[in-house]
Amino acid sequence: MQTMSSCDKLGCMKIKVVSELVSVIAIGALVGLWANGMHQKWHRLGREAFMAHESQNFDKLYANPPSLMHLVLMSVVIALLIFALYKGIALVVAMALSAIAEKSETAQG
């Protein structure tokens, strides 16, 4: 739990900004790792495997597209999941920074 003195010392806004920045960087790193993994996978499997996979995807996803409502709802669900991940990481980092601030305040006096 955050005390008023630790909030004054580090500044609640500073903790919030730092935790949100760490959250954005963490999500960006996860997306970058995923993209790198996909590039390595298709580089390893080769052009023909990639083209066959994309052809299957077209037949499965684009030849008979889902309804607009389905696409909108799935997009909203994905956005909510990403937002929840962002807020969850920011909350954990803010709690950790607050705990560090309280420990340093207790140690100093």
PDB file of N, CA and C in Angstrom:
ATOM      1  N   MET A   1       0.839  -1.175   0.000  1.00  0.00           N
ATOM      2  CA  MET A   1       0.000   0.000   0.000  1.00  0.00           C
ATOM      3  C   MET A   1       0.888   1.243   0.000  1.00  0.00           C
ATOM      4  N   GLN A   2       0.518   2.216  -0.773  1.00  0.00           N
ATOM      5  CA  GLN A   2       1.333   3.410  -0.935  1.00  0.00           C
ATOM      6  C   GLN A   2       1.003   4.409   0.166  1.00  0.00           C
ATOM      7  N   THR A   3       2.055   4.851   0.867  1.00  0.00           N
ATOM      8  CA  THR A   3       1.857   5.850   1.909  1.00  0.00           C
ATOM      9  C   THR A   3       2.010   7.227   1.297  1.00  0.00           C
ATOM     10  N   MET A   4       1.518   8.219   2.017  1.00  0.00           N
ATOM     11  CA  MET A   4       1.581   9.584   1.514  1.00  0.00           C
ATOM     12  C   MET A   4       3.028  10.065   1.412  1.00  0.00           C
ATOM     13  N   SER A   5       3.883   9.668   2.361  1.00  0.00           N
ATOM     14  CA  SER A   5       5.253  10.157   2.338  1.00  0.00           C
ATOM     15  C   SER A   5       6.033   9.597   1.151  1.00  0.00           C
ATOM     16  N   SER A   6       5.851   8.297   0.827  1.00  0.00           N
ATOM     17  CA  SER A   6       6.557   7.759  -0.329  1.00  0.00           C
ATOM     18  C   SER A   6       5.998   8.353  -1.615  1.00  0.00           C
ATOM     19  N   CYS A   7       4.720   8.666  -1.589  1.00  0.00           N
ATOM     20  CA  CYS A   7       4.113   9.304  -2.751  1.00  0.00           C
ATOM     21  C   CYS A   7       4.693  10.705  -2.932  1.00  0.00           C
ATOM     22  N   ASP A   8       4.918  11.422  -1.828  1.00  0.00           N
ATOM     23  CA  ASP A   8       5.507  12.754  -1.915  1.00  0.00           C
ATOM     24  C   ASP A   8       6.964  12.682  -2.357  1.00  0.00           C
ATOM     25  N   LYS A   9       7.699  11.692  -1.842  1.00  0.00           N
ATOM     26  CA  LYS A   9       9.138  11.628  -2.112  1.00  0.00           C
ATOM     27  C   LYS A   9       9.420  11.389  -3.595  1.00  0.00           C
ATOM     28  N   LEU A  10       8.888  10.327  -4.138  1.00  0.00           N
ATOM     29  CA  LEU A  10       9.126  10.034  -5.557  1.00  0.00           C
ATOM     30  C   LEU A  10       8.161  10.771  -6.467  1.00  0.00           C
ATOM     31  N   GLY A  11       7.042  11.072  -5.945  1.00  0.00           N
ATOM     32  CA  GLY A  11       6.010  11.713  -6.754  1.00  0.00           C
ATOM     33  C   GLY A  11       5.136  10.665  -7.403  1.00  0.00           C
ATOM     34  N   CYS A  12       3.850  10.717  -7.089  1.00  0.00           N
ATOM     35  CA  CYS A  12       2.919   9.731  -7.653  1.00  0.00           C
ATOM     36  C   CYS A  12       2.883   9.789  -9.174  1.00  0.00           C
ATOM     37  N   MET A  13       2.968  10.993  -9.716  1.00  0.00           N
ATOM     38  CA  MET A  13       2.946  11.115 -11.177  1.00  0.00           C
ATOM     39  C   MET A  13       4.186  10.486 -11.797  1.00  0.00           C
ATOM     40  N   LYS A  14       5.328  10.643 -11.142  1.00  0.00           N
ATOM     41  CA  LYS A  14       6.560  10.064 -11.665  1.00  0.00           C
ATOM     42  C   LYS A  14       6.459   8.544 -11.679  1.00  0.00           C
ATOM     43  N   ILE A  15       5.931   7.966 -10.606  1.00  0.00           N
ATOM     44  CA  ILE A  15       5.748   6.513 -10.541  1.00  0.00           C
ATOM     45  C   ILE A  15       4.804   6.064 -11.653  1.00  0.00           C
ATOM     46  N   LYS A  16       3.718   6.798 -11.849  1.00  0.00           N
ATOM     47  CA  LYS A  16       2.736   6.426 -12.876  1.00  0.00           C
ATOM     48  C   LYS A  16       3.352   6.494 -14.275  1.00  0.00           C
ATOM     49  N   VAL A  17       4.067   7.580 -14.556  1.00  0.00           N
ATOM     50  CA  VAL A  17       4.669   7.745 -15.882  1.00  0.00           C
ATOM     51  C   VAL A  17       5.721   6.672 -16.133  1.00  0.00           C
ATOM     52  N   VAL A  18       6.567   6.413 -15.149  1.00  0.00           N
ATOM     53  CA  VAL A  18       7.608   5.397 -15.314  1.00  0.00           C
ATOM     54  C   VAL A  18       6.979   4.018 -15.505  1.00  0.00           C
ATOM     55  N   SER A  19       5.960   3.701 -14.715  1.00  0.00           N
ATOM     56  CA  SER A  19       5.339   2.377 -14.840  1.00  0.00           C
ATOM     57  C   SER A  19       4.649   2.209 -16.183  1.00  0.00           C
ATOM     58  N   GLU A  20       4.014   3.264 -16.691  1.00  0.00           N
ATOM     59  CA  GLU A  20       3.370   3.164 -18.005  1.00  0.00           C
ATOM     60  C   GLU A  20       4.405   3.064 -19.125  1.00  0.00           C
ATOM     61  N   LEU A  21       5.506   3.777 -18.971  1.00  0.00           N
ATOM     62  CA  LEU A  21       6.583   3.687 -19.962  1.00  0.00           C
ATOM     63  C   LEU A  21       7.178   2.277 -19.988  1.00  0.00           C
ATOM     64  N   VAL A  22       7.410   1.701 -18.826  1.00  0.00           N
ATOM     65  CA  VAL A  22       7.928   0.327 -18.753  1.00  0.00           C
ATOM     66  C   VAL A  22       6.934  -0.641 -19.380  1.00  0.00           C
ATOM     67  N   SER A  23       5.649  -0.407 -19.151  1.00  0.00           N
ATOM     68  CA  SER A  23       4.613  -1.274 -19.719  1.00  0.00           C
ATOM     69  C   SER A  23       4.624  -1.221 -21.243  1.00  0.00           C
ATOM     70  N   VAL A  24       4.722  -0.030 -21.798  1.00  0.00           N
ATOM     71  CA  VAL A  24       4.768   0.121 -23.262  1.00  0.00           C
ATOM     72  C   VAL A  24       6.017  -0.553 -23.826  1.00  0.00           C
ATOM     73  N   ILE A  25       7.147  -0.360 -23.158  1.00  0.00           N
ATOM     74  CA  ILE A  25       8.392  -0.977 -23.623  1.00  0.00           C
ATOM     75  C   ILE A  25       8.290  -2.500 -23.553  1.00  0.00           C
ATOM     76  N   ALA A  26       7.686  -3.030 -22.485  1.00  0.00           N
ATOM     77  CA  ALA A  26       7.545  -4.483 -22.349  1.00  0.00           C
ATOM     78  C   ALA A  26       6.656  -5.057 -23.451  1.00  0.00           C
ATOM     79  N   ILE A  27       5.538  -4.402 -23.732  1.00  0.00           N
ATOM     80  CA  ILE A  27       4.645  -4.891 -24.789  1.00  0.00           C
ATOM     81  C   ILE A  27       5.333  -4.773 -26.149  1.00  0.00           C
ATOM     82  N   GLY A  28       6.044  -3.679 -26.373  1.00  0.00           N
ATOM     83  CA  GLY A  28       6.792  -3.527 -27.619  1.00  0.00           C
ATOM     84  C   GLY A  28       7.848  -4.606 -27.783  1.00  0.00           C
ATOM     85  N   ALA A  29       8.526  -4.944 -26.686  1.00  0.00           N
ATOM     86  CA  ALA A  29       9.538  -6.004 -26.738  1.00  0.00           C
ATOM     87  C   ALA A  29       8.892  -7.353 -27.052  1.00  0.00           C
ATOM     88  N   LEU A  30       7.730  -7.627 -26.460  1.00  0.00           N
ATOM     89  CA  LEU A  30       7.029  -8.888 -26.741  1.00  0.00           C
ATOM     90  C   LEU A  30       6.622  -8.973 -28.215  1.00  0.00           C
ATOM     91  N   VAL A  31       6.097  -7.886 -28.761  1.00  0.00           N
ATOM     92  CA  VAL A  31       5.706  -7.872 -30.173  1.00  0.00           C
ATOM     93  C   VAL A  31       6.938  -8.029 -31.068  1.00  0.00           C
ATOM     94  N   GLY A  32       8.023  -7.363 -30.697  1.00  0.00           N
ATOM     95  CA  GLY A  32       9.263  -7.491 -31.464  1.00  0.00           C
ATOM     96  C   GLY A  32       9.811  -8.907 -31.448  1.00  0.00           C
ATOM     97  N   LEU A  33       9.763  -9.554 -30.280  1.00  0.00           N
ATOM     98  CA  LEU A  33      10.215 -10.947 -30.186  1.00  0.00           C
ATOM     99  C   LEU A  33       9.346 -11.866 -31.033  1.00  0.00           C
ATOM    100  N   TRP A  34       8.034 -11.633 -31.008  1.00  0.00           N
ATOM    101  CA  TRP A  34       7.122 -12.441 -31.819  1.00  0.00           C
ATOM    102  C   TRP A  34       7.420 -12.249 -33.312  1.00  0.00           C
ATOM    103  N   ALA A  35       7.577 -10.985 -33.733  1.00  0.00           N
ATOM    104  CA  ALA A  35       7.857 -10.714 -35.153  1.00  0.00           C
ATOM    105  C   ALA A  35       9.190 -11.334 -35.572  1.00  0.00           C
ATOM    106  N   ASN A  36      10.191 -11.231 -34.717  1.00  0.00           N
ATOM    107  CA  ASN A  36      11.487 -11.832 -35.020  1.00  0.00           C
ATOM    108  C   ASN A  36      11.364 -13.350 -35.138  1.00  0.00           C
ATOM    109  N   GLY A  37      10.600 -13.955 -34.256  1.00  0.00           N
ATOM    110  CA  GLY A  37      10.380 -15.402 -34.324  1.00  0.00           C
ATOM    111  C   GLY A  37       9.702 -15.816 -35.622  1.00  0.00           C
ATOM    112  N   MET A  38       8.719 -15.004 -36.057  1.00  0.00           N
ATOM    113  CA  MET A  38       8.033 -15.312 -37.318  1.00  0.00           C
ATOM    114  C   MET A  38       8.993 -15.185 -38.502  1.00  0.00           C
ATOM    115  N   HIS A  39       9.812 -14.148 -38.495  1.00  0.00           N
ATOM    116  CA  HIS A  39      10.784 -13.993 -39.590  1.00  0.00           C
ATOM    117  C   HIS A  39      11.777 -15.146 -39.619  1.00  0.00           C
ATOM    118  N   GLN A  40      12.259 -15.525 -38.464  1.00  0.00           N
ATOM    119  CA  GLN A  40      13.203 -16.648 -38.415  1.00  0.00           C
ATOM    120  C   GLN A  40      12.551 -17.949 -38.861  1.00  0.00           C
ATOM    121  N   LYS A  41      11.307 -18.165 -38.447  1.00  0.00           N
ATOM    122  CA  LYS A  41      10.590 -19.381 -38.834  1.00  0.00           C
ATOM    123  C   LYS A  41      10.463 -19.476 -40.353  1.00  0.00           C
ATOM    124  N   TRP A  42      10.008 -18.387 -41.002  1.00  0.00           N
ATOM    125  CA  TRP A  42       9.806 -18.441 -42.443  1.00  0.00           C
ATOM    126  C   TRP A  42      11.122 -18.405 -43.206  1.00  0.00           C
ATOM    127  N   HIS A  43      12.140 -17.787 -42.629  1.00  0.00           N
ATOM    128  CA  HIS A  43      13.458 -17.840 -43.248  1.00  0.00           C
ATOM    129  C   HIS A  43      13.977 -19.281 -43.243  1.00  0.00           C
ATOM    130  N   ARG A  44      13.750 -19.972 -42.130  1.00  0.00           N
ATOM    131  CA  ARG A  44      14.206 -21.357 -41.996  1.00  0.00           C
ATOM    132  C   ARG A  44      13.411 -22.290 -42.919  1.00  0.00           C
ATOM    133  N   LEU A  45      12.080 -22.072 -43.001  1.00  0.00           N
ATOM    134  CA  LEU A  45      11.237 -22.962 -43.802  1.00  0.00           C
ATOM    135  C   LEU A  45      11.312 -22.667 -45.300  1.00  0.00           C
ATOM    136  N   GLY A  46      11.594 -21.432 -45.652  1.00  0.00           N
ATOM    137  CA  GLY A  46      11.774 -21.083 -47.059  1.00  0.00           C
ATOM    138  C   GLY A  46      10.547 -20.472 -47.710  1.00  0.00           C
ATOM    139  N   ARG A  47      10.800 -19.966 -48.914  1.00  0.00           N
ATOM    140  CA  ARG A  47       9.786 -19.240 -49.680  1.00  0.00           C
ATOM    141  C   ARG A  47       8.589 -20.109 -50.042  1.00  0.00           C
ATOM    142  N   GLU A  48       8.848 -21.332 -50.478  1.00  0.00           N
ATOM    143  CA  GLU A  48       7.745 -22.205 -50.904  1.00  0.00           C
ATOM    144  C   GLU A  48       6.802 -22.522 -49.747  1.00  0.00           C
ATOM    145  N   ALA A  49       7.353 -22.797 -48.585  1.00  0.00           N
ATOM    146  CA  ALA A  49       6.517 -23.074 -47.414  1.00  0.00           C
ATOM    147  C   ALA A  49       5.715 -21.839 -47.030  1.00  0.00           C
ATOM    148  N   PHE A  50       6.340 -20.669 -47.101  1.00  0.00           N
ATOM    149  CA  PHE A  50       5.640 -19.422 -46.781  1.00  0.00           C
ATOM    150  C   PHE A  50       4.493 -19.187 -47.761  1.00  0.00           C
ATOM    151  N   MET A  51       4.752 -19.357 -49.040  1.00  0.00           N
ATOM    152  CA  MET A  51       3.716 -19.136 -50.049  1.00  0.00           C
ATOM    153  C   MET A  51       2.562 -20.135 -49.897  1.00  0.00           C
ATOM    154  N   ALA A  52       2.886 -21.388 -49.586  1.00  0.00           N
ATOM    155  CA  ALA A  52       1.835 -22.390 -49.361  1.00  0.00           C
ATOM    156  C   ALA A  52       1.003 -22.012 -48.140  1.00  0.00           C
ATOM    157  N   HIS A  53       1.652 -21.551 -47.081  1.00  0.00           N
ATOM    158  CA  HIS A  53       0.939 -21.137 -45.868  1.00  0.00           C
ATOM    159  C   HIS A  53       0.033 -19.943 -46.161  1.00  0.00           C
ATOM    160  N   GLU A  54       0.535 -18.954 -46.890  1.00  0.00           N
ATOM    161  CA  GLU A  54      -0.265 -17.779 -47.224  1.00  0.00           C
ATOM    162  C   GLU A  54      -1.436 -18.156 -48.124  1.00  0.00           C
ATOM    163  N   SER A  55      -1.229 -19.112 -49.024  1.00  0.00           N
ATOM    164  CA  SER A  55      -2.314 -19.571 -49.884  1.00  0.00           C
ATOM    165  C   SER A  55      -3.414 -20.228 -49.047  1.00  0.00           C
ATOM    166  N   GLN A  56      -3.008 -21.034 -48.056  1.00  0.00           N
ATOM    167  CA  GLN A  56      -3.995 -21.643 -47.148  1.00  0.00           C
ATOM    168  C   GLN A  56      -4.732 -20.572 -46.358  1.00  0.00           C
ATOM    169  N   ASN A  57      -3.990 -19.578 -45.869  1.00  0.00           N
ATOM    170  CA  ASN A  57      -4.628 -18.494 -45.126  1.00  0.00           C
ATOM    171  C   ASN A  57      -5.646 -17.756 -45.982  1.00  0.00           C
ATOM    172  N   PHE A  58      -5.324 -17.503 -47.238  1.00  0.00           N
ATOM    173  CA  PHE A  58      -6.265 -16.824 -48.116  1.00  0.00           C
ATOM    174  C   PHE A  58      -7.535 -17.661 -48.276  1.00  0.00           C
ATOM    175  N   ASP A  59      -7.360 -18.957 -48.534  1.00  0.00           N
ATOM    176  CA  ASP A  59      -8.520 -19.825 -48.713  1.00  0.00           C
ATOM    177  C   ASP A  59      -9.367 -19.890 -47.447  1.00  0.00           C
ATOM    178  N   LYS A  60      -8.708 -19.906 -46.298  1.00  0.00           N
ATOM    179  CA  LYS A  60      -9.414 -20.050 -45.025  1.00  0.00           C
ATOM    180  C   LYS A  60     -10.037 -18.736 -44.546  1.00  0.00           C
ATOM    181  N   LEU A  61      -9.329 -17.615 -44.721  1.00  0.00           N
ATOM    182  CA  LEU A  61      -9.761 -16.366 -44.098  1.00  0.00           C
ATOM    183  C   LEU A  61     -10.369 -15.354 -45.063  1.00  0.00           C
ATOM    184  N   TYR A  62      -9.868 -15.291 -46.275  1.00  0.00           N
ATOM    185  CA  TYR A  62     -10.275 -14.204 -47.154  1.00  0.00           C
ATOM    186  C   TYR A  62     -11.246 -14.619 -48.248  1.00  0.00           C
ATOM    187  N   ALA A  63     -11.240 -15.869 -48.652  1.00  0.00           N
ATOM    188  CA  ALA A  63     -12.158 -16.314 -49.698  1.00  0.00           C
ATOM    189  C   ALA A  63     -13.600 -16.237 -49.197  1.00  0.00           C
ATOM    190  N   ASN A  64     -13.816 -16.583 -47.941  1.00  0.00           N
ATOM    191  CA  ASN A  64     -15.138 -16.484 -47.307  1.00  0.00           C
ATOM    192  C   ASN A  64     -14.991 -15.680 -46.010  1.00  0.00           C
ATOM    193  N   PRO A  65     -14.935 -14.365 -46.102  1.00  0.00           N
ATOM    194  CA  PRO A  65     -14.669 -13.560 -44.917  1.00  0.00           C
ATOM    195  C   PRO A  65     -15.823 -13.600 -43.916  1.00  0.00           C
ATOM    196  N   PRO A  66     -15.497 -13.433 -42.630  1.00  0.00           N
ATOM    197  CA  PRO A  66     -16.550 -13.375 -41.624  1.00  0.00           C
ATOM    198  C   PRO A  66     -17.328 -12.058 -41.747  1.00  0.00           C
ATOM    199  N   SER A  67     -18.419 -11.969 -41.017  1.00  0.00           N
ATOM    200  CA  SER A  67     -19.238 -10.761 -41.080  1.00  0.00           C
ATOM    201  C   SER A  67     -18.508  -9.572 -40.460  1.00  0.00           C
ATOM    202  N   LEU A  68     -18.968  -8.389 -40.813  1.00  0.00           N
ATOM    203  CA  LEU A  68     -18.390  -7.166 -40.270  1.00  0.00           C
ATOM    204  C   LEU A  68     -18.524  -7.140 -38.752  1.00  0.00           C
ATOM    205  N   MET A  69     -19.670  -7.571 -38.237  1.00  0.00           N
ATOM    206  CA  MET A  69     -19.895  -7.570 -36.789  1.00  0.00           C
ATOM    207  C   MET A  69     -18.881  -8.481 -36.090  1.00  0.00           C
ATOM    208  N   HIS A  70     -18.617  -9.635 -36.663  1.00  0.00           N
ATOM    209  CA  HIS A  70     -17.639 -10.563 -36.091  1.00  0.00           C
ATOM    210  C   HIS A  70     -16.257  -9.924 -36.054  1.00  0.00           C
ATOM    211  N   LEU A  71     -15.849  -9.293 -37.135  1.00  0.00           N
ATOM    212  CA  LEU A  71     -14.537  -8.655 -37.192  1.00  0.00           C
ATOM    213  C   LEU A  71     -14.423  -7.516 -36.187  1.00  0.00           C
ATOM    214  N   VAL A  72     -15.485  -6.714 -36.062  1.00  0.00           N
ATOM    215  CA  VAL A  72     -15.470  -5.599 -35.113  1.00  0.00           C
ATOM    216  C   VAL A  72     -15.392  -6.127 -33.686  1.00  0.00           C
ATOM    217  N   LEU A  73     -16.195  -7.136 -33.367  1.00  0.00           N
ATOM    218  CA  LEU A  73     -16.182  -7.699 -32.011  1.00  0.00           C
ATOM    219  C   LEU A  73     -14.826  -8.325 -31.672  1.00  0.00           C
ATOM    220  N   MET A  74     -14.232  -9.035 -32.609  1.00  0.00           N
ATOM    221  CA  MET A  74     -12.919  -9.635 -32.355  1.00  0.00           C
ATOM    222  C   MET A  74     -11.853  -8.555 -32.176  1.00  0.00           C
ATOM    223  N   SER A  75     -11.953  -7.477 -32.936  1.00  0.00           N
ATOM    224  CA  SER A  75     -11.012  -6.373 -32.787  1.00  0.00           C
ATOM    225  C   SER A  75     -11.147  -5.717 -31.420  1.00  0.00           C
ATOM    226  N   VAL A  76     -12.368  -5.564 -30.949  1.00  0.00           N
ATOM    227  CA  VAL A  76     -12.605  -4.983 -29.628  1.00  0.00           C
ATOM    228  C   VAL A  76     -12.045  -5.898 -28.540  1.00  0.00           C
ATOM    229  N   VAL A  77     -12.258  -7.198 -28.671  1.00  0.00           N
ATOM    230  CA  VAL A  77     -11.731  -8.148 -27.690  1.00  0.00           C
ATOM    231  C   VAL A  77     -10.204  -8.093 -27.657  1.00  0.00           C
ATOM    232  N   ILE A  78      -9.581  -8.072 -28.816  1.00  0.00           N
ATOM    233  CA  ILE A  78      -8.111  -8.002 -28.874  1.00  0.00           C
ATOM    234  C   ILE A  78      -7.612  -6.695 -28.264  1.00  0.00           C
ATOM    235  N   ALA A  79      -8.281  -5.575 -28.568  1.00  0.00           N
ATOM    236  CA  ALA A  79      -7.891  -4.286 -27.993  1.00  0.00           C
ATOM    237  C   ALA A  79      -8.029  -4.305 -26.471  1.00  0.00           C
ATOM    238  N   LEU A  80      -9.098  -4.903 -25.970  1.00  0.00           N
ATOM    239  CA  LEU A  80      -9.290  -5.006 -24.515  1.00  0.00           C
ATOM    240  C   LEU A  80      -8.213  -5.865 -23.862  1.00  0.00           C
ATOM    241  N   LEU A  81      -7.836  -6.949 -24.511  1.00  0.00           N
ATOM    242  CA  LEU A  81      -6.782  -7.797 -23.962  1.00  0.00           C
ATOM    243  C   LEU A  81      -5.439  -7.067 -23.921  1.00  0.00           C
ATOM    244  N   ILE A  82      -5.125  -6.346 -24.980  1.00  0.00           N
ATOM    245  CA  ILE A  82      -3.875  -5.583 -25.001  1.00  0.00           C
ATOM    246  C   ILE A  82      -3.905  -4.484 -23.944  1.00  0.00           C
ATOM    247  N   PHE A  83      -5.039  -3.807 -23.802  1.00  0.00           N
ATOM    248  CA  PHE A  83      -5.174  -2.755 -22.793  1.00  0.00           C
ATOM    249  C   PHE A  83      -5.051  -3.341 -21.386  1.00  0.00           C
ATOM    250  N   ALA A  84      -5.654  -4.504 -21.154  1.00  0.00           N
ATOM    251  CA  ALA A  84      -5.552  -5.150 -19.842  1.00  0.00           C
ATOM    252  C   ALA A  84      -4.104  -5.552 -19.551  1.00  0.00           C
ATOM    253  N   LEU A  85      -3.397  -6.059 -20.548  1.00  0.00           N
ATOM    254  CA  LEU A  85      -1.993  -6.397 -20.375  1.00  0.00           C
ATOM    255  C   LEU A  85      -1.181  -5.155 -20.034  1.00  0.00           C
ATOM    256  N   TYR A  86      -1.425  -4.073 -20.761  1.00  0.00           N
ATOM    257  CA  TYR A  86      -0.743  -2.804 -20.514  1.00  0.00           C
ATOM    258  C   TYR A  86      -0.982  -2.317 -19.087  1.00  0.00           C
ATOM    259  N   LYS A  87      -2.238  -2.287 -18.672  1.00  0.00           N
ATOM    260  CA  LYS A  87      -2.571  -1.811 -17.326  1.00  0.00           C
ATOM    261  C   LYS A  87      -2.027  -2.749 -16.254  1.00  0.00           C
ATOM    262  N   GLY A  88      -2.054  -4.046 -16.505  1.00  0.00           N
ATOM    263  CA  GLY A  88      -1.525  -5.009 -15.535  1.00  0.00           C
ATOM    264  C   GLY A  88      -0.037  -4.839 -15.311  1.00  0.00           C
ATOM    265  N   ILE A  89       0.709  -4.699 -16.411  1.00  0.00           N
ATOM    266  CA  ILE A  89       2.155  -4.490 -16.279  1.00  0.00           C
ATOM    267  C   ILE A  89       2.419  -3.168 -15.562  1.00  0.00           C
ATOM    268  N   ALA A  90       1.688  -2.111 -15.939  1.00  0.00           N
ATOM    269  CA  ALA A  90       1.880  -0.802 -15.300  1.00  0.00           C
ATOM    270  C   ALA A  90       1.572  -0.876 -13.805  1.00  0.00           C
ATOM    271  N   LEU A  91       0.544  -1.605 -13.418  1.00  0.00           N
ATOM    272  CA  LEU A  91       0.188  -1.739 -12.006  1.00  0.00           C
ATOM    273  C   LEU A  91       1.284  -2.454 -11.221  1.00  0.00           C
ATOM    274  N   VAL A  92       1.797  -3.536 -11.770  1.00  0.00           N
ATOM    275  CA  VAL A  92       2.855  -4.292 -11.097  1.00  0.00           C
ATOM    276  C   VAL A  92       4.108  -3.424 -10.933  1.00  0.00           C
ATOM    277  N   VAL A  93       4.480  -2.708 -11.987  1.00  0.00           N
ATOM    278  CA  VAL A  93       5.662  -1.850 -11.904  1.00  0.00           C
ATOM    279  C   VAL A  93       5.442  -0.719 -10.907  1.00  0.00           C
ATOM    280  N   ALA A  94       4.249  -0.114 -10.901  1.00  0.00           N
ATOM    281  CA  ALA A  94       3.947   0.962  -9.947  1.00  0.00           C
ATOM    282  C   ALA A  94       4.003   0.453  -8.515  1.00  0.00           C
ATOM    283  N   MET A  95       3.480  -0.750  -8.290  1.00  0.00           N
ATOM    284  CA  MET A  95       3.535  -1.334  -6.943  1.00  0.00           C
ATOM    285  C   MET A  95       4.979  -1.589  -6.527  1.00  0.00           C
ATOM    286  N   ALA A  96       5.790  -2.075  -7.451  1.00  0.00           N
ATOM    287  CA  ALA A  96       7.198  -2.333  -7.141  1.00  0.00           C
ATOM    288  C   ALA A  96       7.938  -1.035  -6.843  1.00  0.00           C
ATOM    289  N   LEU A  97       7.702   0.006  -7.648  1.00  0.00           N
ATOM    290  CA  LEU A  97       8.351   1.288  -7.406  1.00  0.00           C
ATOM    291  C   LEU A  97       7.912   1.901  -6.076  1.00  0.00           C
ATOM    292  N   SER A  98       6.649   1.762  -5.741  1.00  0.00           N
ATOM    293  CA  SER A  98       6.156   2.268  -4.458  1.00  0.00           C
ATOM    294  C   SER A  98       6.800   1.528  -3.295  1.00  0.00           C
ATOM    295  N   ALA A  99       6.933   0.210  -3.434  1.00  0.00           N
ATOM    296  CA  ALA A  99       7.571  -0.579  -2.377  1.00  0.00           C
ATOM    297  C   ALA A  99       9.032  -0.189  -2.222  1.00  0.00           C
ATOM    298  N   ILE A 100       9.715   0.046  -3.333  1.00  0.00           N
ATOM    299  CA  ILE A 100      11.114   0.476  -3.278  1.00  0.00           C
ATOM    300  C   ILE A 100      11.218   1.838  -2.597  1.00  0.00           C
ATOM    301  N   ALA A 101      10.299   2.737  -2.922  1.00  0.00           N
ATOM    302  CA  ALA A 101      10.312   4.062  -2.320  1.00  0.00           C
ATOM    303  C   ALA A 101      10.064   3.976  -0.810  1.00  0.00           C
ATOM    304  N   GLU A 102       9.140   3.113  -0.405  1.00  0.00           N
ATOM    305  CA  GLU A 102       8.864   2.950   1.024  1.00  0.00           C
ATOM    306  C   GLU A 102      10.065   2.362   1.758  1.00  0.00           C
ATOM    307  N   LYS A 103      10.726   1.374   1.143  1.00  0.00           N
ATOM    308  CA  LYS A 103      11.912   0.773   1.773  1.00  0.00           C
ATOM    309  C   LYS A 103      13.034   1.795   1.926  1.00  0.00           C
ATOM    310  N   SER A 104      13.259   2.591   0.876  1.00  0.00           N
ATOM    311  CA  SER A 104      14.334   3.571   0.963  1.00  0.00           C
ATOM    312  C   SER A 104      13.992   4.659   1.975  1.00  0.00           C
ATOM    313  N   GLU A 105      12.727   4.997   2.099  1.00  0.00           N
ATOM    314  CA  GLU A 105      12.308   5.989   3.078  1.00  0.00           C
ATOM    315  C   GLU A 105      12.467   5.442   4.496  1.00  0.00           C
ATOM    316  N   THR A 106      12.120   4.177   4.691  1.00  0.00           N
ATOM    317  CA  THR A 106      12.261   3.546   6.007  1.00  0.00           C
ATOM    318  C   THR A 106      13.731   3.431   6.394  1.00  0.00           C
ATOM    319  N   ALA A 107      14.569   3.106   5.428  1.00  0.00           N
ATOM    320  CA  ALA A 107      16.002   2.951   5.699  1.00  0.00           C
ATOM    321  C   ALA A 107      16.658   4.288   6.032  1.00  0.00           C
ATOM    322  N   GLN A 108      16.139   5.355   5.448  1.00  0.00           N
ATOM    323  CA  GLN A 108      16.740   6.676   5.679  1.00  0.00           C
ATOM    324  C   GLN A 108      16.276   7.320   6.975  1.00  0.00           C
ATOM    325  N   GLY A 109      15.186   6.894   7.472  1.00  0.00           N
ATOM    326  CA  GLY A 109      14.831   7.500   8.738  1.00  0.00           C
ATOM    327  C   GLY A 109      13.416   7.359   9.045  1.00  0.00           C
TER     328      GLY A 109
END
